[in-house]
Protein backbone atom coordinates (compact mmCIF):
# COMPACT_ATOMS: atom_id res chain seq x y z
CA UNK A 1 -3.07 -2.20 -28.59
CA UNK A 2 -0.61 -0.63 -26.22
CA UNK A 3 2.58 -2.46 -25.49
CA UNK A 4 2.78 -3.70 -21.91
CA UNK A 5 6.04 -5.63 -21.69
CA UNK A 6 9.33 -5.62 -23.55
CA UNK A 7 8.18 -8.23 -26.07
CA UNK A 8 5.46 -8.29 -28.65
CA UNK A 9 4.48 -10.68 -31.43
CA UNK A 10 6.74 -9.04 -34.04
CA UNK A 11 9.84 -9.04 -31.83
CA UNK A 12 9.35 -12.71 -31.01
CA UNK A 13 8.63 -13.62 -34.63
CA UNK A 14 11.67 -11.79 -36.02
CA UNK A 15 14.12 -12.85 -33.30
CA UNK A 16 17.20 -14.54 -34.71
CA UNK A 17 19.66 -16.52 -32.64
CA UNK A 18 23.34 -16.99 -33.30
CA UNK A 19 24.13 -20.44 -34.58
CA UNK A 20 26.74 -22.17 -32.49
CA UNK A 21 28.46 -25.49 -33.01
CA UNK A 22 26.65 -27.04 -30.07
CA UNK A 23 23.61 -24.76 -30.25
CA UNK A 24 19.93 -25.58 -30.09
CA UNK A 25 17.99 -26.95 -33.00
CA UNK A 26 16.65 -24.01 -35.01
CA UNK A 27 13.42 -25.87 -35.83
CA UNK A 28 12.75 -26.59 -32.15
CA UNK A 29 13.40 -22.96 -31.22
CA UNK A 30 11.10 -21.79 -34.03
CA UNK A 31 8.36 -24.21 -32.96
CA UNK A 32 8.60 -23.02 -29.37
CA UNK A 33 8.56 -19.36 -30.39
CA UNK A 34 5.46 -20.06 -32.48
CA UNK A 35 3.75 -21.28 -29.30
CA UNK A 36 4.92 -18.17 -27.46
CA UNK A 37 3.51 -15.98 -30.25
CA UNK A 38 0.15 -17.74 -30.06
CA UNK A 39 0.06 -17.15 -26.31
CA UNK A 40 0.90 -13.47 -26.78
CA UNK A 41 -1.82 -13.06 -29.40
CA UNK A 42 -4.40 -14.70 -27.12
CA UNK A 43 -3.18 -12.61 -24.19
CA UNK A 44 -3.51 -9.39 -26.20
CA UNK A 45 -7.00 -10.39 -27.33
CA UNK A 46 -8.14 -11.16 -23.78
CA UNK A 47 -6.57 -7.97 -22.47
CA UNK A 48 -8.36 -5.92 -25.11
CA UNK A 49 -11.70 -7.56 -24.27
CA UNK A 50 -11.12 -6.98 -20.56
CA UNK A 51 -10.29 -3.30 -21.15
CA UNK A 52 -13.47 -2.87 -23.20
CA UNK A 53 -15.52 -4.49 -20.46
CA UNK A 54 -13.89 -2.29 -17.82
CA UNK A 55 -14.71 0.84 -19.84
CA UNK A 56 -18.31 -0.32 -20.29
CA UNK A 57 -18.70 -1.06 -16.58
CA UNK A 58 -17.19 2.32 -15.69
CA UNK A 59 -19.76 4.05 -17.93
CA UNK A 60 -22.60 2.06 -16.33
CA UNK A 61 -21.23 2.84 -12.86
CA UNK A 62 -21.11 6.56 -13.68
CA UNK A 63 -24.75 6.42 -14.82
CA UNK A 64 -25.81 4.74 -11.59
CA UNK A 65 -23.85 7.22 -9.51
CA UNK A 66 -25.61 10.09 -11.30
CA UNK A 67 -28.99 8.46 -10.64
CA UNK A 68 -28.06 7.95 -6.99
CA UNK A 69 -27.12 11.62 -6.60
CA UNK A 70 -30.37 12.66 -8.27
CA UNK A 71 -32.40 10.36 -6.01
CA UNK A 72 -30.63 11.59 -2.89
CA UNK A 73 -31.38 15.15 -3.96
CA UNK A 74 -35.05 14.32 -4.37
CA UNK A 75 -35.15 12.67 -0.95
CA UNK A 76 -33.52 15.72 0.63
CA UNK A 77 -36.06 18.02 -1.00
CA UNK A 78 -39.04 15.86 -0.03
CA UNK A 79 -37.77 15.54 3.54
CA UNK A 80 -37.73 19.30 4.06
CA UNK A 81 -41.05 20.00 2.34
CA UNK A 82 -44.26 20.66 4.26
CA UNK A 83 -45.91 17.49 5.47
CA UNK A 84 -48.59 16.38 3.09
CA UNK A 85 -52.19 16.10 4.24
CA UNK A 86 -53.73 12.74 3.53
CA UNK A 87 -57.34 12.06 2.64
CA UNK A 88 -58.32 10.88 6.10
CA UNK A 89 -57.22 14.17 7.60
CA UNK A 90 -59.22 16.06 4.99
CA UNK A 91 -62.34 14.02 5.69
CA UNK A 92 -62.00 14.64 9.44
CA UNK A 93 -61.67 18.37 8.89
CA UNK A 94 -64.62 18.38 6.52
CA UNK A 95 -66.73 16.50 9.05
CA UNK A 96 -65.87 19.02 11.77
CA UNK A 97 -66.74 21.92 9.48
CA UNK A 98 -70.09 20.32 8.58
CA UNK A 99 -70.91 19.83 12.25
CA UNK A 100 -70.22 23.49 12.95
CA UNK A 101 -72.30 24.62 9.99
CA UNK A 102 -75.28 22.42 10.89
CA UNK A 103 -75.10 23.31 14.59
CA UNK A 104 -75.63 27.01 13.81
């Protein structure tokens, strides 16, 4: 996991404070730092999961973009192609040809 801020779990865990005559209680400081460490660990876990999801969504997005480009290309090709003759048009032409043949 890449380091984002100035602190990480190991720095917090190994931090030592100078003891002063009227200083804070070492056990209270340790207990609080334990809570901070737990938050950092959870934060790192969530950040890792979010990064994995972002990468997965970027891959899916790239696949859809490729499909979109392919579909647009197909539409462009079909739009410039000769118009297709449907079955009704063929039947009408056939009927006209039959009339001409039988009229002769």
